[in-house]
Amino acid sequence: MTGLNTILILVGLFLAGGVYSFAKQKLPVGVIVLLGISSAFCLAAGILRIQGLWT
């Protein structure tokens, strides 16, 4: 696992925590959806880099 994989996964988990926190605070749905999408993209990119499917 390289440094970029770790950074992408950690950023994705950080953003997922933001989704949970913002949902508890009842912030606008658009912000929560945007954070959720960006979290999913970061996690997917990190996992794909681990598997070597994305060069």
PDB file of N, CA and C in Angstrom:
ATOM      1  N   MET A   1       0.847  -1.168   0.000  1.00  0.00           N
ATOM      2  CA  MET A   1       0.000   0.000   0.000  1.00  0.00           C
ATOM      3  C   MET A   1       0.898   1.238   0.000  1.00  0.00           C
ATOM      4  N   THR A   2       0.715   2.090  -0.984  1.00  0.00           N
ATOM      5  CA  THR A   2       1.545   3.273  -1.098  1.00  0.00           C
ATOM      6  C   THR A   2       0.916   4.446  -0.343  1.00  0.00           C
ATOM      7  N   GLY A   3       1.623   5.544  -0.340  1.00  0.00           N
ATOM      8  CA  GLY A   3       1.155   6.726   0.381  1.00  0.00           C
ATOM      9  C   GLY A   3      -0.125   7.295  -0.195  1.00  0.00           C
ATOM     10  N   LEU A   4      -0.252   7.305  -1.515  1.00  0.00           N
ATOM     11  CA  LEU A   4      -1.444   7.877  -2.133  1.00  0.00           C
ATOM     12  C   LEU A   4      -2.685   7.052  -1.804  1.00  0.00           C
ATOM     13  N   ASN A   5      -2.546   5.733  -1.767  1.00  0.00           N
ATOM     14  CA  ASN A   5      -3.678   4.883  -1.386  1.00  0.00           C
ATOM     15  C   ASN A   5      -4.159   5.254   0.010  1.00  0.00           C
ATOM     16  N   THR A   6      -3.228   5.379   0.918  1.00  0.00           N
ATOM     17  CA  THR A   6      -3.564   5.680   2.304  1.00  0.00           C
ATOM     18  C   THR A   6      -4.232   7.045   2.417  1.00  0.00           C
ATOM     19  N   ILE A   7      -3.687   8.031   1.703  1.00  0.00           N
ATOM     20  CA  ILE A   7      -4.261   9.379   1.765  1.00  0.00           C
ATOM     21  C   ILE A   7      -5.680   9.382   1.219  1.00  0.00           C
ATOM     22  N   LEU A   8      -5.910   8.716   0.097  1.00  0.00           N
ATOM     23  CA  LEU A   8      -7.255   8.687  -0.487  1.00  0.00           C
ATOM     24  C   LEU A   8      -8.259   8.017   0.446  1.00  0.00           C
ATOM     25  N   ILE A   9      -7.857   6.924   1.057  1.00  0.00           N
ATOM     26  CA  ILE A   9      -8.766   6.220   1.957  1.00  0.00           C
ATOM     27  C   ILE A   9      -9.038   7.046   3.211  1.00  0.00           C
ATOM     28  N   LEU A  10      -8.007   7.671   3.756  1.00  0.00           N
ATOM     29  CA  LEU A  10      -8.209   8.497   4.949  1.00  0.00           C
ATOM     30  C   LEU A  10      -9.079   9.717   4.662  1.00  0.00           C
ATOM     31  N   VAL A  11      -8.889  10.344   3.517  1.00  0.00           N
ATOM     32  CA  VAL A  11      -9.737  11.483   3.141  1.00  0.00           C
ATOM     33  C   VAL A  11     -11.177  11.021   2.959  1.00  0.00           C
ATOM     34  N   GLY A  12     -11.359   9.858   2.333  1.00  0.00           N
ATOM     35  CA  GLY A  12     -12.708   9.322   2.161  1.00  0.00           C
ATOM     36  C   GLY A  12     -13.387   9.047   3.491  1.00  0.00           C
ATOM     37  N   LEU A  13     -12.645   8.484   4.443  1.00  0.00           N
ATOM     38  CA  LEU A  13     -13.222   8.236   5.769  1.00  0.00           C
ATOM     39  C   LEU A  13     -13.509   9.529   6.514  1.00  0.00           C
ATOM     40  N   PHE A  14     -12.639  10.533   6.349  1.00  0.00           N
ATOM     41  CA  PHE A  14     -12.857  11.841   6.969  1.00  0.00           C
ATOM     42  C   PHE A  14     -14.130  12.478   6.425  1.00  0.00           C
ATOM     43  N   LEU A  15     -14.312  12.404   5.117  1.00  0.00           N
ATOM     44  CA  LEU A  15     -15.522  12.977   4.513  1.00  0.00           C
ATOM     45  C   LEU A  15     -16.769  12.197   4.920  1.00  0.00           C
ATOM     46  N   ALA A  16     -16.641  10.896   5.084  1.00  0.00           N
ATOM     47  CA  ALA A  16     -17.778  10.090   5.542  1.00  0.00           C
ATOM     48  C   ALA A  16     -18.163  10.499   6.964  1.00  0.00           C
ATOM     49  N   GLY A  17     -17.178  10.789   7.794  1.00  0.00           N
ATOM     50  CA  GLY A  17     -17.468  11.300   9.133  1.00  0.00           C
ATOM     51  C   GLY A  17     -18.165  12.643   9.067  1.00  0.00           C
ATOM     52  N   GLY A  18     -17.791  13.462   8.099  1.00  0.00           N
ATOM     53  CA  GLY A  18     -18.462  14.749   7.900  1.00  0.00           C
ATOM     54  C   GLY A  18     -19.910  14.573   7.486  1.00  0.00           C
ATOM     55  N   VAL A  19     -20.172  13.572   6.663  1.00  0.00           N
ATOM     56  CA  VAL A  19     -21.558  13.279   6.266  1.00  0.00           C
ATOM     57  C   VAL A  19     -22.387  12.938   7.498  1.00  0.00           C
ATOM     58  N   TYR A  20     -21.857  12.087   8.348  1.00  0.00           N
ATOM     59  CA  TYR A  20     -22.570  11.691   9.566  1.00  0.00           C
ATOM     60  C   TYR A  20     -22.798  12.896  10.475  1.00  0.00           C
ATOM     61  N   SER A  21     -21.766  13.698  10.649  1.00  0.00           N
ATOM     62  CA  SER A  21     -21.862  14.862  11.527  1.00  0.00           C
ATOM     63  C   SER A  21     -22.858  15.885  10.976  1.00  0.00           C
ATOM     64  N   PHE A  22     -22.777  16.159   9.686  1.00  0.00           N
ATOM     65  CA  PHE A  22     -23.678  17.146   9.090  1.00  0.00           C
ATOM     66  C   PHE A  22     -25.120  16.661   9.104  1.00  0.00           C
ATOM     67  N   ALA A  23     -25.331  15.360   8.950  1.00  0.00           N
ATOM     68  CA  ALA A  23     -26.689  14.819   8.997  1.00  0.00           C
ATOM     69  C   ALA A  23     -27.273  14.967  10.401  1.00  0.00           C
ATOM     70  N   LYS A  24     -26.442  14.775  11.433  1.00  0.00           N
ATOM     71  CA  LYS A  24     -26.923  14.941  12.806  1.00  0.00           C
ATOM     72  C   LYS A  24     -27.255  16.403  13.099  1.00  0.00           C
ATOM     73  N   GLN A  25     -26.549  17.331  12.456  1.00  0.00           N
ATOM     74  CA  GLN A  25     -26.786  18.755  12.670  1.00  0.00           C
ATOM     75  C   GLN A  25     -27.923  19.297  11.815  1.00  0.00           C
ATOM     76  N   LYS A  26     -28.499  18.444  10.975  1.00  0.00           N
ATOM     77  CA  LYS A  26     -29.608  18.809  10.091  1.00  0.00           C
ATOM     78  C   LYS A  26     -29.236  19.950   9.134  1.00  0.00           C
ATOM     79  N   LEU A  27     -28.048  19.853   8.563  1.00  0.00           N
ATOM     80  CA  LEU A  27     -27.620  20.836   7.565  1.00  0.00           C
ATOM     81  C   LEU A  27     -28.294  20.517   6.230  1.00  0.00           C
ATOM     82  N   PRO A  28     -28.205  21.427   5.247  1.00  0.00           N
ATOM     83  CA  PRO A  28     -28.887  21.205   3.963  1.00  0.00           C
ATOM     84  C   PRO A  28     -28.494  19.884   3.298  1.00  0.00           C
ATOM     85  N   VAL A  29     -29.468  19.278   2.657  1.00  0.00           N
ATOM     86  CA  VAL A  29     -29.273  17.963   2.045  1.00  0.00           C
ATOM     87  C   VAL A  29     -28.242  18.028   0.923  1.00  0.00           C
ATOM     88  N   GLY A  30     -28.178  19.137   0.198  1.00  0.00           N
ATOM     89  CA  GLY A  30     -27.227  19.265  -0.901  1.00  0.00           C
ATOM     90  C   GLY A  30     -25.784  19.138  -0.426  1.00  0.00           C
ATOM     91  N   VAL A  31     -25.488  19.717   0.720  1.00  0.00           N
ATOM     92  CA  VAL A  31     -24.134  19.626   1.269  1.00  0.00           C
ATOM     93  C   VAL A  31     -23.821  18.191   1.667  1.00  0.00           C
ATOM     94  N   ILE A  32     -24.782  17.517   2.272  1.00  0.00           N
ATOM     95  CA  ILE A  32     -24.580  16.143   2.709  1.00  0.00           C
ATOM     96  C   ILE A  32     -24.382  15.222   1.506  1.00  0.00           C
ATOM     97  N   VAL A  33     -25.161  15.421   0.464  1.00  0.00           N
ATOM     98  CA  VAL A  33     -25.031  14.596  -0.740  1.00  0.00           C
ATOM     99  C   VAL A  33     -23.680  14.825  -1.405  1.00  0.00           C
ATOM    100  N   LEU A  34     -23.252  16.077  -1.488  1.00  0.00           N
ATOM    101  CA  LEU A  34     -21.962  16.383  -2.091  1.00  0.00           C
ATOM    102  C   LEU A  34     -20.821  15.739  -1.311  1.00  0.00           C
ATOM    103  N   LEU A  35     -20.864  15.806   0.001  1.00  0.00           N
ATOM    104  CA  LEU A  35     -19.843  15.154   0.826  1.00  0.00           C
ATOM    105  C   LEU A  35     -19.882  13.640   0.648  1.00  0.00           C
ATOM    106  N   GLY A  36     -21.079  13.078   0.568  1.00  0.00           N
ATOM    107  CA  GLY A  36     -21.217  11.632   0.393  1.00  0.00           C
ATOM    108  C   GLY A  36     -20.639  11.155  -0.930  1.00  0.00           C
ATOM    109  N   ILE A  37     -20.900  11.902  -1.982  1.00  0.00           N
ATOM    110  CA  ILE A  37     -20.375  11.537  -3.301  1.00  0.00           C
ATOM    111  C   ILE A  37     -18.853  11.641  -3.323  1.00  0.00           C
ATOM    112  N   SER A  38     -18.329  12.722  -2.757  1.00  0.00           N
ATOM    113  CA  SER A  38     -16.875  12.874  -2.751  1.00  0.00           C
ATOM    114  C   SER A  38     -16.208  11.824  -1.868  1.00  0.00           C
ATOM    115  N   SER A  39     -16.850  11.451  -0.776  1.00  0.00           N
ATOM    116  CA  SER A  39     -16.324  10.390   0.073  1.00  0.00           C
ATOM    117  C   SER A  39     -16.282   9.065  -0.674  1.00  0.00           C
ATOM    118  N   ALA A  40     -17.355   8.756  -1.380  1.00  0.00           N
ATOM    119  CA  ALA A  40     -17.405   7.506  -2.142  1.00  0.00           C
ATOM    120  C   ALA A  40     -16.341   7.478  -3.230  1.00  0.00           C
ATOM    121  N   PHE A  41     -16.124   8.612  -3.906  1.00  0.00           N
ATOM    122  CA  PHE A  41     -15.103   8.665  -4.945  1.00  0.00           C
ATOM    123  C   PHE A  41     -13.701   8.468  -4.367  1.00  0.00           C
ATOM    124  N   CYS A  42     -13.420   9.102  -3.236  1.00  0.00           N
ATOM    125  CA  CYS A  42     -12.098   8.951  -2.621  1.00  0.00           C
ATOM    126  C   CYS A  42     -11.862   7.511  -2.175  1.00  0.00           C
ATOM    127  N   LEU A  43     -12.861   6.916  -1.544  1.00  0.00           N
ATOM    128  CA  LEU A  43     -12.699   5.536  -1.098  1.00  0.00           C
ATOM    129  C   LEU A  43     -12.541   4.583  -2.278  1.00  0.00           C
ATOM    130  N   ALA A  44     -13.331   4.793  -3.326  1.00  0.00           N
ATOM    131  CA  ALA A  44     -13.236   3.931  -4.503  1.00  0.00           C
ATOM    132  C   ALA A  44     -11.870   4.076  -5.175  1.00  0.00           C
ATOM    133  N   ALA A  45     -11.366   5.297  -5.277  1.00  0.00           N
ATOM    134  CA  ALA A  45     -10.055   5.505  -5.900  1.00  0.00           C
ATOM    135  C   ALA A  45      -8.957   4.847  -5.079  1.00  0.00           C
ATOM    136  N   GLY A  46      -9.031   4.955  -3.768  1.00  0.00           N
ATOM    137  CA  GLY A  46      -8.029   4.320  -2.922  1.00  0.00           C
ATOM    138  C   GLY A  46      -8.054   2.812  -3.034  1.00  0.00           C
ATOM    139  N   ILE A  47      -9.238   2.235  -3.062  1.00  0.00           N
ATOM    140  CA  ILE A  47      -9.361   0.782  -3.160  1.00  0.00           C
ATOM    141  C   ILE A  47      -8.916   0.287  -4.536  1.00  0.00           C
ATOM    142  N   LEU A  48      -9.271   1.024  -5.575  1.00  0.00           N
ATOM    143  CA  LEU A  48      -8.854   0.614  -6.915  1.00  0.00           C
ATOM    144  C   LEU A  48      -7.341   0.698  -7.075  1.00  0.00           C
ATOM    145  N   ARG A  49      -6.711   1.671  -6.420  1.00  0.00           N
ATOM    146  CA  ARG A  49      -5.245   1.757  -6.490  1.00  0.00           C
ATOM    147  C   ARG A  49      -4.599   0.594  -5.742  1.00  0.00           C
ATOM    148  N   ILE A  50      -5.214   0.141  -4.642  1.00  0.00           N
ATOM    149  CA  ILE A  50      -4.676  -0.997  -3.917  1.00  0.00           C
ATOM    150  C   ILE A  50      -4.726  -2.252  -4.794  1.00  0.00           C
ATOM    151  N   GLN A  51      -5.824  -2.439  -5.486  1.00  0.00           N
ATOM    152  CA  GLN A  51      -6.003  -3.639  -6.299  1.00  0.00           C
ATOM    153  C   GLN A  51      -5.205  -3.589  -7.598  1.00  0.00           C
ATOM    154  N   GLY A  52      -4.688  -2.440  -7.945  1.00  0.00           N
ATOM    155  CA  GLY A  52      -3.881  -2.315  -9.158  1.00  0.00           C
ATOM    156  C   GLY A  52      -4.693  -2.227 -10.428  1.00  0.00           C
ATOM    157  N   LEU A  53      -5.975  -1.957 -10.327  1.00  0.00           N
ATOM    158  CA  LEU A  53      -6.810  -1.857 -11.514  1.00  0.00           C
ATOM    159  C   LEU A  53      -6.684  -0.492 -12.184  1.00  0.00           C
ATOM    160  N   TRP A  54      -6.201   0.473 -11.429  1.00  0.00           N
ATOM    161  CA  TRP A  54      -6.102   1.832 -11.920  1.00  0.00           C
ATOM    162  C   TRP A  54      -4.638   2.229 -11.929  1.00  0.00           C
ATOM    163  N   THR A  55      -4.060   2.405 -13.101  1.00  0.00           N
ATOM    164  CA  THR A  55      -2.627   2.747 -13.180  1.00  0.00           C
ATOM    165  C   THR A  55      -2.404   4.183 -13.504  1.00  0.00           C
TER     166      THR A  55
END
